């Protein structure tokens, strides 16, 4: 085949028009027949270039395909046939839909190989591709953070090194055993402080001061002071060691930390200095209001609980469903409270004095709480109440399923991302060990330094060929073969 210099299907003068030409493409063992008039609709694609490459000789042909049979005029490609079946739809329908089960990143690489623009991908498939890109970027970010922890820059000052060590010690419990101990201690201090706040309100455990006012037991007050001292020291150290002070101060969880600490110092200041500026009763009321704000410290548990973080994210992603729930309830409350007020006016002992007062009855009825402080006494009123709580059950049940799905999806996604990041690090360590078994640690440090220069990571991390290979970690293009594609 290599010795032939002419192609039997083409006249020597090239009189056959490319629009009437028929070519056969064999992709991974799957044969497809195409006509030039269809392919030439998109002349910049690889298949359209095949139509016009025959006159250029074997060099032109083999620059576009893996092999060629001039007798059958058949081009061979070692690519994914399932993805190819989706891509050729652009020549017939003008758009591409990605089949279920195909890796979006692999499909994008296949489209780039066949030189088909991503604009032909349908919007639903683009959303799937965008979501996959975000996942890979998140994995790359996690690997970057781990590499930054492993890397040691000799040019850094002693203070910078100390700052980084303190940050890892307080923010990354998985970095070392002492860091895990500190995380557990912080968790225990939060629990102890919350328990002390609750126990301090029990009258039997309170003491009476000289003026006859009840106050917390001195022992509980000492425990509270010790907990606040720990929280203060922890926050100050984290603030000092933070690489970005402004981002640290504006972070939601750090604002919660400030709200948990600040009431103690403000109440302490008012107790010692406020009496000179205002009446003692006003000072005590202000101190009591500030002490109630101590409940904010329970939110500090979210820092150490992935479950609470997942719940918070699920609620943030479920604003639309929660808005629908509130809208359903608001409409139902207005309608059934107005009906209940109208139907109960004929009864001499009615409890429905006005429509705004009936809102409370509608709320506790539709949410199936039913305190019984307001209830209908007429037959029509009872029928209205029955319909209202049935509608309330339906209105509450409808958005619950999407909210649960958001929680489960995000929780599973976080576990997959964590596993994928660890897998990428294992592959990097394995590949570096192949070159130098004794220098694996120095290789990771080099990768960490190089990662700061590129958009993601050095192109040296390109030897991974697993199905979890992150293309974003390499600056070069690496297309998988058919056998390496995700199924």
Protein backbone atom coordinates (compact mmCIF):
# COMPACT_ATOMS: atom_id res chain seq x y z
CA UNK A 1 0.00 0.00 0.00
CA UNK A 2 2.89 2.29 0.75
CA UNK A 3 4.28 1.81 -2.76
CA UNK A 4 1.24 3.16 -4.57
CA UNK A 5 1.63 6.71 -5.76
CA UNK A 6 -1.77 7.07 -7.41
CA UNK A 7 -5.27 6.50 -6.12
CA UNK A 8 -7.56 4.45 -8.37
CA UNK A 9 -10.67 6.34 -7.40
CA UNK A 10 -9.29 9.67 -8.51
CA UNK A 11 -8.62 10.64 -12.10
CA UNK A 12 -5.14 11.85 -12.92
CA UNK A 13 -6.48 15.29 -13.80
CA UNK A 14 -8.50 15.51 -10.58
CA UNK A 15 -11.72 15.88 -12.52
CA UNK A 16 -13.83 14.22 -9.80
CA UNK A 17 -15.52 16.89 -7.76
CA UNK A 18 -15.12 16.80 -4.00
CA UNK A 19 -18.87 17.35 -3.56
CA UNK A 20 -19.60 14.00 -5.29
CA UNK A 21 -16.81 12.10 -3.54
CA UNK A 22 -17.64 9.25 -1.18
CA UNK A 23 -15.25 8.38 1.64
CA UNK A 24 -15.31 5.72 4.34
CA UNK A 25 -14.19 6.52 7.86
CA UNK A 26 -13.34 3.70 10.27
CA UNK A 27 -13.30 4.94 13.88
CA UNK A 28 -12.39 2.28 16.43
CA UNK A 29 -13.76 -0.50 14.18
CA UNK A 30 -17.02 1.29 13.34
CA UNK A 31 -17.35 2.21 9.64
CA UNK A 32 -19.22 5.30 8.47
CA UNK A 33 -19.78 6.43 4.87
CA UNK A 34 -19.81 10.16 4.10
CA UNK A 35 -20.37 12.28 1.01
CA UNK A 36 -18.41 15.36 0.16
CA UNK A 37 -21.41 17.67 -0.11
CA UNK A 38 -22.34 16.95 3.52
CA UNK A 39 -18.83 17.31 4.88
CA UNK A 40 -18.05 20.50 2.98
CA UNK A 41 -20.77 22.32 4.92
CA UNK A 42 -18.10 22.77 7.58
CA UNK A 43 -14.83 22.98 5.64
CA UNK A 44 -12.66 23.62 8.72
CA UNK A 45 -13.47 20.23 10.30
CA UNK A 46 -11.15 17.23 10.01
CA UNK A 47 -13.62 15.14 8.00
CA UNK A 48 -14.02 17.93 5.43
CA UNK A 49 -10.23 18.12 5.12
CA UNK A 50 -10.17 14.38 4.34
CA UNK A 51 -12.18 15.03 1.16
CA UNK A 52 -9.53 17.37 -0.22
CA UNK A 53 -6.40 15.64 1.10
CA UNK A 54 -6.16 12.88 -1.53
CA UNK A 55 -4.45 15.09 -4.06
CA UNK A 56 -1.78 16.00 -1.52
CA UNK A 57 -0.25 12.54 -1.27
CA UNK A 58 0.42 10.32 1.69
CA UNK A 59 2.00 13.07 3.80
CA UNK A 60 -1.21 15.06 3.68
CA UNK A 61 -3.34 11.98 4.36
CA UNK A 62 -1.40 10.69 7.34
CA UNK A 63 -1.33 14.14 8.92
CA UNK A 64 -5.10 13.76 9.31
CA UNK A 65 -5.62 10.06 10.08
CA UNK A 66 -3.85 7.06 11.65
CA UNK A 67 -4.01 4.80 8.57
CA UNK A 68 -5.45 4.73 5.04
CA UNK A 69 -6.52 2.04 2.56
CA UNK A 70 -6.42 3.53 -0.99
CA UNK A 71 -8.27 0.53 -2.46
CA UNK A 72 -11.32 1.06 -0.29
CA UNK A 73 -10.67 4.75 0.18
CA UNK A 74 -11.07 4.09 3.90
CA UNK A 75 -9.53 6.27 6.62
CA UNK A 76 -8.71 4.69 9.99
CA UNK A 77 -8.80 6.49 13.34
CA UNK A 78 -8.02 5.11 16.77
CA UNK A 79 -10.61 7.24 18.54
CA UNK A 80 -13.75 6.74 20.61
CA UNK A 81 -16.53 5.48 18.28
CA UNK A 82 -19.33 6.38 20.72
CA UNK A 83 -18.25 10.01 20.84
CA UNK A 84 -17.77 10.04 17.05
CA UNK A 85 -21.38 8.94 16.49
CA UNK A 86 -22.50 12.01 18.44
CA UNK A 87 -20.10 14.40 16.70
CA UNK A 88 -21.18 13.53 13.15
CA UNK A 89 -24.68 14.77 13.97
CA UNK A 90 -23.41 18.27 13.25
CA UNK A 91 -23.27 17.41 9.52
CA UNK A 92 -26.90 16.30 9.48
CA UNK A 93 -28.67 18.34 12.19
CA UNK A 94 -26.36 21.30 12.81
CA UNK A 95 -26.03 20.53 16.52
CA UNK A 96 -24.46 17.92 18.79
CA UNK A 97 -25.89 16.11 21.78
CA UNK A 98 -23.57 14.23 24.11
CA UNK A 99 -24.70 10.70 24.86
CA UNK A 100 -25.24 9.68 28.47
CA UNK A 101 -22.26 7.87 29.98
CA UNK A 102 -19.54 9.70 28.01
CA UNK A 103 -17.06 11.73 30.02
CA UNK A 104 -17.68 15.42 29.16
CA UNK A 105 -13.97 16.29 29.21
CA UNK A 106 -13.14 13.35 26.91
CA UNK A 107 -15.99 14.40 24.61
CA UNK A 108 -14.62 17.94 24.48
CA UNK A 109 -11.20 16.53 23.51
CA UNK A 110 -12.84 14.44 20.78
CA UNK A 111 -14.56 17.53 19.41
CA UNK A 112 -11.22 19.34 19.37
CA UNK A 113 -9.62 16.42 17.53
CA UNK A 114 -12.33 16.40 14.87
CA UNK A 115 -12.03 20.22 14.73
CA UNK A 116 -15.70 20.79 15.51
CA UNK A 117 -16.40 24.04 17.36
CA UNK A 118 -17.96 23.81 20.82
CA UNK A 119 -20.69 26.23 19.76
CA UNK A 120 -22.46 23.30 18.04
CA UNK A 121 -22.83 21.55 21.41
CA UNK A 122 -26.36 21.83 22.75
CA UNK A 123 -26.95 24.05 25.78
CA UNK A 124 -27.89 21.16 28.07
CA UNK A 125 -24.62 19.39 27.25
CA UNK A 126 -22.66 22.63 27.69
CA UNK A 127 -24.02 22.89 31.22
CA UNK A 128 -22.82 19.34 31.93
CA UNK A 129 -19.41 20.17 30.50
CA UNK A 130 -19.20 23.37 32.55
CA UNK A 131 -20.06 21.45 35.73
CA UNK A 132 -17.33 18.91 34.99
CA UNK A 133 -14.81 21.70 34.40
CA UNK A 134 -15.68 23.22 37.76
CA UNK A 135 -15.12 19.84 39.43
CA UNK A 136 -11.70 19.49 37.81
CA UNK A 137 -10.78 23.02 38.80
CA UNK A 138 -11.79 22.21 42.37
CA UNK A 139 -9.61 19.07 42.31
CA UNK A 140 -6.74 21.11 40.89
CA UNK A 141 -7.22 23.69 43.64
CA UNK A 142 -7.12 21.02 46.34
CA UNK A 143 -4.00 19.44 44.88
CA UNK A 144 -2.46 22.92 44.66
CA UNK A 145 -3.12 23.51 48.36
CA UNK A 146 -1.54 20.18 49.30
CA UNK A 147 1.49 20.86 47.11
CA UNK A 148 1.88 24.29 48.68
CA UNK A 149 1.94 22.63 52.08
CA UNK A 150 4.58 20.15 50.94
CA UNK A 151 6.72 22.75 49.19
CA UNK A 152 9.34 24.74 51.09
CA UNK A 153 10.63 27.90 49.48
CA UNK A 154 14.19 28.56 50.61
CA UNK A 155 13.86 32.24 49.70
CA UNK A 156 11.11 32.80 52.28
CA UNK A 157 11.99 34.61 55.47
CA UNK A 158 11.86 32.92 58.85
CA UNK A 159 8.70 34.85 59.75
CA UNK A 160 6.95 33.67 56.56
CA UNK A 161 7.85 30.07 57.33
CA UNK A 162 6.63 30.45 60.90
CA UNK A 163 3.42 32.08 59.64
CA UNK A 164 2.78 29.20 57.25
CA UNK A 165 3.38 26.63 60.00
CA UNK A 166 0.90 28.37 62.35
CA UNK A 167 -1.69 28.54 59.57
CA UNK A 168 -1.36 24.83 58.82
CA UNK A 169 -1.42 24.05 62.53
CA UNK A 170 -4.73 25.86 63.11
CA UNK A 171 -6.53 25.55 59.77
CA UNK A 172 -5.55 22.10 58.49
CA UNK A 173 -6.11 19.35 61.07
CA UNK A 174 -5.11 16.67 58.54
CA UNK A 175 -1.59 18.11 58.20
CA UNK A 176 -0.22 16.60 61.44
CA UNK A 177 -1.15 14.82 64.65
CA UNK A 178 -0.75 17.94 66.88
CA UNK A 179 -3.01 19.86 64.47
CA UNK A 180 -5.69 17.19 64.91
CA UNK A 181 -5.35 17.49 68.69
CA UNK A 182 -5.84 21.26 68.48
CA UNK A 183 -8.93 20.78 66.31
CA UNK A 184 -10.42 18.35 68.84
CA UNK A 185 -9.64 20.77 71.71
CA UNK A 186 -11.32 23.61 69.85
CA UNK A 187 -14.37 21.43 69.26
CA UNK A 188 -14.52 20.54 72.97
CA UNK A 189 -14.22 24.18 74.03
CA UNK A 190 -17.19 25.05 71.81
CA UNK A 191 -19.26 22.28 73.38
CA UNK A 192 -18.22 23.21 76.92
CA UNK A 193 -18.99 26.88 76.34
CA UNK A 194 -22.43 26.04 74.93
CA UNK A 195 -23.23 23.72 77.83
CA UNK A 196 -22.10 26.33 80.38
CA UNK A 197 -24.30 28.94 78.71
CA UNK A 198 -27.33 26.64 79.05
CA UNK A 199 -26.58 25.39 82.57
CA UNK A 200 -25.99 28.93 83.80
CA UNK A 201 -29.69 29.74 83.28
CA UNK A 202 -30.86 27.07 85.78
CA UNK A 203 -32.15 28.96 88.86
CA UNK A 204 -30.86 26.34 91.32
CA UNK A 205 -27.30 26.83 90.05
CA UNK A 206 -27.41 30.63 90.19
CA UNK A 207 -26.26 32.76 93.10
CA UNK A 208 -27.72 35.97 94.54
CA UNK A 209 -25.55 39.06 94.70
CA UNK A 210 -25.57 41.75 97.38
CA UNK A 211 -28.44 43.59 95.69
CA UNK A 212 -30.63 40.50 95.49
CA UNK A 213 -30.20 39.91 91.77
CA UNK A 214 -29.59 36.44 90.42
CA UNK A 215 -26.33 35.86 88.54
CA UNK A 216 -24.34 32.94 87.18
CA UNK A 217 -22.31 30.78 89.52
CA UNK A 218 -18.66 31.98 89.79
CA UNK A 219 -17.38 28.55 88.75
CA UNK A 220 -19.40 28.63 85.53
CA UNK A 221 -18.27 32.21 84.97
CA UNK A 222 -14.63 31.10 85.28
CA UNK A 223 -15.16 28.29 82.77
CA UNK A 224 -16.80 30.78 80.41
CA UNK A 225 -13.82 33.12 80.75
CA UNK A 226 -11.37 30.27 79.99
CA UNK A 227 -13.35 29.32 76.86
CA UNK A 228 -13.42 32.93 75.65
CA UNK A 229 -9.67 33.16 76.25
CA UNK A 230 -9.14 30.09 74.04
CA UNK A 231 -11.40 31.47 71.29
CA UNK A 232 -9.63 34.83 71.41
CA UNK A 233 -6.17 33.33 71.22
CA UNK A 234 -7.24 31.05 68.37
CA UNK A 235 -8.77 33.89 66.36
CA UNK A 236 -5.80 36.23 66.85
CA UNK A 237 -3.28 33.54 65.81
CA UNK A 238 -5.32 32.66 62.73
CA UNK A 239 -5.62 36.34 61.81
CA UNK A 240 -1.87 36.92 62.19
CA UNK A 241 -0.94 33.82 60.17
CA UNK A 242 -3.58 34.35 57.47
CA UNK A 243 -2.06 34.87 53.99
CA UNK A 244 -4.93 37.25 53.08
CA UNK A 245 -6.07 39.33 56.05
CA UNK A 246 -8.97 41.07 54.29
CA UNK A 247 -10.45 37.84 52.93
CA UNK A 248 -10.02 36.27 56.36
CA UNK A 249 -11.83 39.11 58.15
CA UNK A 250 -14.76 39.11 55.70
CA UNK A 251 -15.23 35.33 55.70
CA UNK A 252 -18.62 34.26 57.07
CA UNK A 253 -17.26 31.76 59.58
CA UNK A 254 -14.72 34.27 60.88
CA UNK A 255 -17.48 36.85 61.33
CA UNK A 256 -19.30 34.21 63.39
CA UNK A 257 -16.15 33.79 65.48
CA UNK A 258 -16.07 37.54 66.18
CA UNK A 259 -19.76 37.56 67.13
CA UNK A 260 -19.10 34.70 69.55
CA UNK A 261 -16.20 36.53 71.25
CA UNK A 262 -17.25 40.19 71.13
CA UNK A 263 -20.27 40.05 73.55
CA UNK A 264 -18.02 38.88 76.39
CA UNK A 265 -15.67 41.85 76.11
CA UNK A 266 -18.47 44.36 75.51
CA UNK A 267 -20.42 43.12 78.54
CA UNK A 268 -17.22 43.18 80.59
CA UNK A 269 -16.61 46.78 79.56
CA UNK A 270 -20.19 47.80 80.33
CA UNK A 271 -20.05 46.12 83.73
CA UNK A 272 -16.91 47.98 84.83
CA UNK A 273 -17.33 51.30 83.01
CA UNK A 274 -20.97 51.55 81.98
CA UNK A 275 -22.29 52.10 85.50
CA UNK A 276 -20.53 55.45 85.58
CA UNK A 277 -22.16 56.60 82.35
CA UNK A 278 -25.73 55.28 82.68
CA UNK A 279 -28.13 53.81 85.19
CA UNK A 280 -27.30 50.41 86.65
CA UNK A 281 -30.56 48.88 85.42
CA UNK A 282 -29.81 49.90 81.85
CA UNK A 283 -26.33 48.41 82.11
CA UNK A 284 -27.74 45.09 83.35
CA UNK A 285 -30.26 44.97 80.51
CA UNK A 286 -27.53 45.65 77.95
CA UNK A 287 -25.29 43.00 79.49
CA UNK A 288 -28.14 40.47 79.49
CA UNK A 289 -28.87 41.20 75.81
CA UNK A 290 -25.21 40.75 74.92
CA UNK A 291 -24.96 37.49 76.86
CA UNK A 292 -27.82 36.11 74.78
CA UNK A 293 -25.65 36.71 71.71
CA UNK A 294 -23.39 33.93 72.98
CA UNK A 295 -25.61 31.48 71.14
CA UNK A 296 -23.69 32.51 67.98
CA UNK A 297 -20.76 30.35 69.09
CA UNK A 298 -22.74 27.18 68.36
CA UNK A 299 -22.25 28.03 64.67
CA UNK A 300 -18.52 27.60 65.22
CA UNK A 301 -19.22 23.86 65.09
CA UNK A 302 -19.67 24.23 61.32
CA UNK A 303 -15.92 24.83 61.04
CA UNK A 304 -15.26 21.30 62.30
CA UNK A 305 -18.29 19.54 60.78
CA UNK A 306 -18.44 18.71 57.08
CA UNK A 307 -22.09 17.70 57.57
CA UNK A 308 -23.08 21.20 58.72
CA UNK A 309 -21.12 22.74 55.85
CA UNK A 310 -22.90 20.46 53.41
CA UNK A 311 -26.27 21.40 54.90
CA UNK A 312 -25.45 25.12 54.58
CA UNK A 313 -24.45 24.67 50.94
CA UNK A 314 -27.60 22.65 50.21
CA UNK A 315 -29.78 25.41 51.67
CA UNK A 316 -27.90 28.04 49.63
CA UNK A 317 -28.48 26.03 46.47
CA UNK A 318 -32.15 25.55 47.41
CA UNK A 319 -33.19 29.20 47.65
CA UNK A 320 -35.55 28.74 44.73
CA UNK A 321 -37.31 25.76 46.35
CA UNK A 322 -37.45 27.52 49.73
CA UNK A 323 -38.89 30.61 48.02
CA UNK A 324 -41.60 28.47 46.42
CA UNK A 325 -42.39 26.94 49.82
CA UNK A 326 -42.75 30.36 51.43
CA UNK A 327 -44.88 31.59 48.53
CA UNK A 328 -47.23 28.58 48.77
CA UNK A 329 -47.59 29.05 52.52
CA UNK A 330 -48.09 32.82 52.23
CA UNK A 331 -50.89 32.41 49.69
CA UNK A 332 -52.52 29.65 51.74
CA UNK A 333 -52.25 31.62 55.00
CA UNK A 334 -53.91 34.67 53.45
CA UNK A 335 -56.72 32.70 51.78
CA UNK A 336 -57.60 30.38 54.68
CA UNK A 337 -57.33 33.07 57.37
CA UNK A 338 -59.75 35.27 55.41
CA UNK A 339 -62.15 32.35 54.91
CA UNK A 340 -61.88 31.33 58.54
CA UNK A 341 -62.64 34.87 59.75
CA UNK A 342 -65.67 35.12 57.43
CA UNK A 343 -67.11 31.72 58.39
CA UNK A 344 -66.66 32.22 62.14
CA UNK A 345 -68.38 35.61 62.36
CA UNK A 346 -71.80 33.96 62.79
CA UNK A 347 -70.75 32.25 66.04
CA UNK A 348 -71.26 34.37 69.18
CA UNK A 349 -68.10 33.02 70.89
CA UNK A 350 -65.82 33.30 67.89
CA UNK A 351 -62.07 33.42 68.48
CA UNK A 352 -61.40 35.01 65.09
CA UNK A 353 -61.50 38.71 65.94
CA UNK A 354 -59.80 39.96 62.75
CA UNK A 355 -58.07 38.68 59.63
CA UNK A 356 -54.55 39.64 60.86
CA UNK A 357 -55.26 37.76 64.09
CA UNK A 358 -56.41 34.81 61.99
CA UNK A 359 -52.96 34.70 60.32
CA UNK A 360 -51.59 33.02 63.46
CA UNK A 361 -54.28 30.32 63.29
CA UNK A 362 -53.57 29.74 59.58
CA UNK A 363 -49.81 29.45 60.22
CA UNK A 364 -50.05 26.86 62.99
CA UNK A 365 -52.74 24.95 61.05
CA UNK A 366 -50.95 24.77 57.69
CA UNK A 367 -47.70 23.73 59.39
CA UNK A 368 -49.68 21.08 61.36
CA UNK A 369 -48.55 22.49 64.72
CA UNK A 370 -52.00 23.30 66.10
CA UNK A 371 -51.52 24.84 69.54
CA UNK A 372 -55.27 24.99 70.09
CA UNK A 373 -55.32 28.57 71.37
CA UNK A 374 -57.44 29.56 68.35
CA UNK A 375 -59.80 27.07 66.74
CA UNK A 376 -63.02 27.16 64.65
CA UNK A 377 -66.40 26.41 66.22
CA UNK A 378 -68.72 26.37 63.20
CA UNK A 379 -69.10 23.48 60.76
CA UNK A 380 -67.90 25.52 57.79
CA UNK A 381 -64.98 26.78 59.85
CA UNK A 382 -63.93 23.22 60.72
CA UNK A 383 -64.19 22.22 57.05
CA UNK A 384 -62.02 25.18 56.12
CA UNK A 385 -59.49 24.13 58.78
CA UNK A 386 -59.38 20.56 57.41
CA UNK A 387 -58.71 21.78 53.89
CA UNK A 388 -56.07 24.25 55.13
CA UNK A 389 -53.91 21.67 56.92
CA UNK A 390 -54.20 19.23 54.00
CA UNK A 391 -53.01 21.97 51.65
CA UNK A 392 -50.25 22.82 54.13
CA UNK A 393 -48.94 19.26 54.15
CA UNK A 394 -48.84 19.22 50.34
CA UNK A 395 -47.20 22.66 50.12
CA UNK A 396 -44.45 21.66 52.57
CA UNK A 397 -43.85 18.25 51.01
CA UNK A 398 -43.42 19.46 47.42
CA UNK A 399 -40.02 21.28 47.73
CA UNK A 400 -38.51 18.80 50.20
CA UNK A 401 -37.30 16.32 47.58
CA UNK A 402 -35.19 18.86 45.59
CA UNK A 403 -33.62 20.12 48.82
CA UNK A 404 -32.67 16.58 49.86
CA UNK A 405 -31.28 15.92 46.38
CA UNK A 406 -29.09 19.04 46.63
CA UNK A 407 -27.75 17.86 49.98
CA UNK A 408 -26.98 14.31 48.79
CA UNK A 409 -25.48 15.54 45.49
CA UNK A 410 -23.15 18.01 47.18
CA UNK A 411 -22.12 15.53 49.91
CA UNK A 412 -21.28 12.81 47.37
CA UNK A 413 -19.52 15.35 45.16
CA UNK A 414 -17.26 16.45 48.02
CA UNK A 415 -16.31 12.86 48.75
CA UNK A 416 -15.53 12.19 45.09
CA UNK A 417 -13.43 15.36 44.81
CA UNK A 418 -11.48 14.48 47.94
CA UNK A 419 -10.78 10.96 46.64
CA UNK A 420 -9.79 12.28 43.20
CA UNK A 421 -7.36 14.80 44.70
CA UNK A 422 -5.68 12.08 46.75
CA UNK A 423 -5.53 9.85 43.68
CA UNK A 424 -3.81 12.57 41.64
CA UNK A 425 -1.23 13.07 44.39
CA UNK A 426 -0.56 9.32 44.53
CA UNK A 427 -0.03 9.28 40.75
CA UNK A 428 2.35 12.22 40.97
CA UNK A 429 4.36 10.55 43.74
CA UNK A 430 4.44 7.28 41.78
CA UNK A 431 5.60 8.97 38.59
CA UNK A 432 8.27 10.96 40.38
CA UNK A 433 9.48 7.79 42.09
CA UNK A 434 10.05 6.15 38.70
CA UNK A 435 12.69 8.75 37.85
CA UNK A 436 14.35 9.04 41.24
CA UNK A 437 13.24 6.74 44.03
CA UNK A 438 15.20 8.64 46.61
CA UNK A 439 14.23 12.12 45.40
CA UNK A 440 10.43 11.88 45.44
CA UNK A 441 10.08 14.61 48.04
CA UNK A 442 12.27 17.06 46.14
CA UNK A 443 10.26 16.32 42.98
CA UNK A 444 7.03 17.37 44.71
CA UNK A 445 8.71 20.53 45.92
CA UNK A 446 9.78 21.35 42.35
CA UNK A 447 6.23 20.76 41.13
CA UNK A 448 4.93 23.04 43.85
CA UNK A 449 7.27 25.86 42.82
CA UNK A 450 6.48 25.40 39.13
CA UNK A 451 2.76 25.42 39.83
CA UNK A 452 3.03 29.02 40.99
CA UNK A 453 4.34 30.08 37.59
CA UNK A 454 1.72 28.39 35.38
CA UNK A 455 -2.07 28.67 35.32
CA UNK A 456 -2.50 25.36 37.10
CA UNK A 457 0.46 23.00 37.20
CA UNK A 458 3.60 22.19 35.35
CA UNK A 459 3.36 20.15 32.18
CA UNK A 460 5.51 17.57 33.90
CA UNK A 461 2.37 16.15 35.47
CA UNK A 462 1.24 14.77 32.13
CA UNK A 463 2.19 11.14 32.48
CA UNK A 464 -1.01 10.09 34.21
CA UNK A 465 -3.23 8.00 31.94
CA UNK A 466 -5.97 6.97 34.34
CA UNK A 467 -9.63 7.84 33.85
CA UNK A 468 -9.31 10.50 36.58
CA UNK A 469 -6.48 12.30 34.76
CA UNK A 470 -6.98 16.03 35.12
CA UNK A 471 -6.30 17.76 31.82
CA UNK A 472 -6.30 21.09 33.60
CA UNK A 473 -3.08 20.09 35.35
CA UNK A 474 -1.17 20.21 32.08
CA UNK A 475 -0.62 23.05 29.66
CA UNK A 476 -0.32 20.67 26.71
CA UNK A 477 -3.11 18.87 24.86
CA UNK A 478 -3.29 15.13 25.44
CA UNK A 479 -6.00 13.17 23.62
CA UNK A 480 -6.90 9.73 24.84
CA UNK A 481 -7.26 6.78 22.55
CA UNK A 482 -10.47 4.84 22.21
CA UNK A 483 -9.45 2.32 24.88
CA UNK A 484 -8.56 5.09 27.34
CA UNK A 485 -11.81 7.04 26.97
CA UNK A 486 -14.36 7.07 29.75
CA UNK A 487 -17.33 4.81 29.06
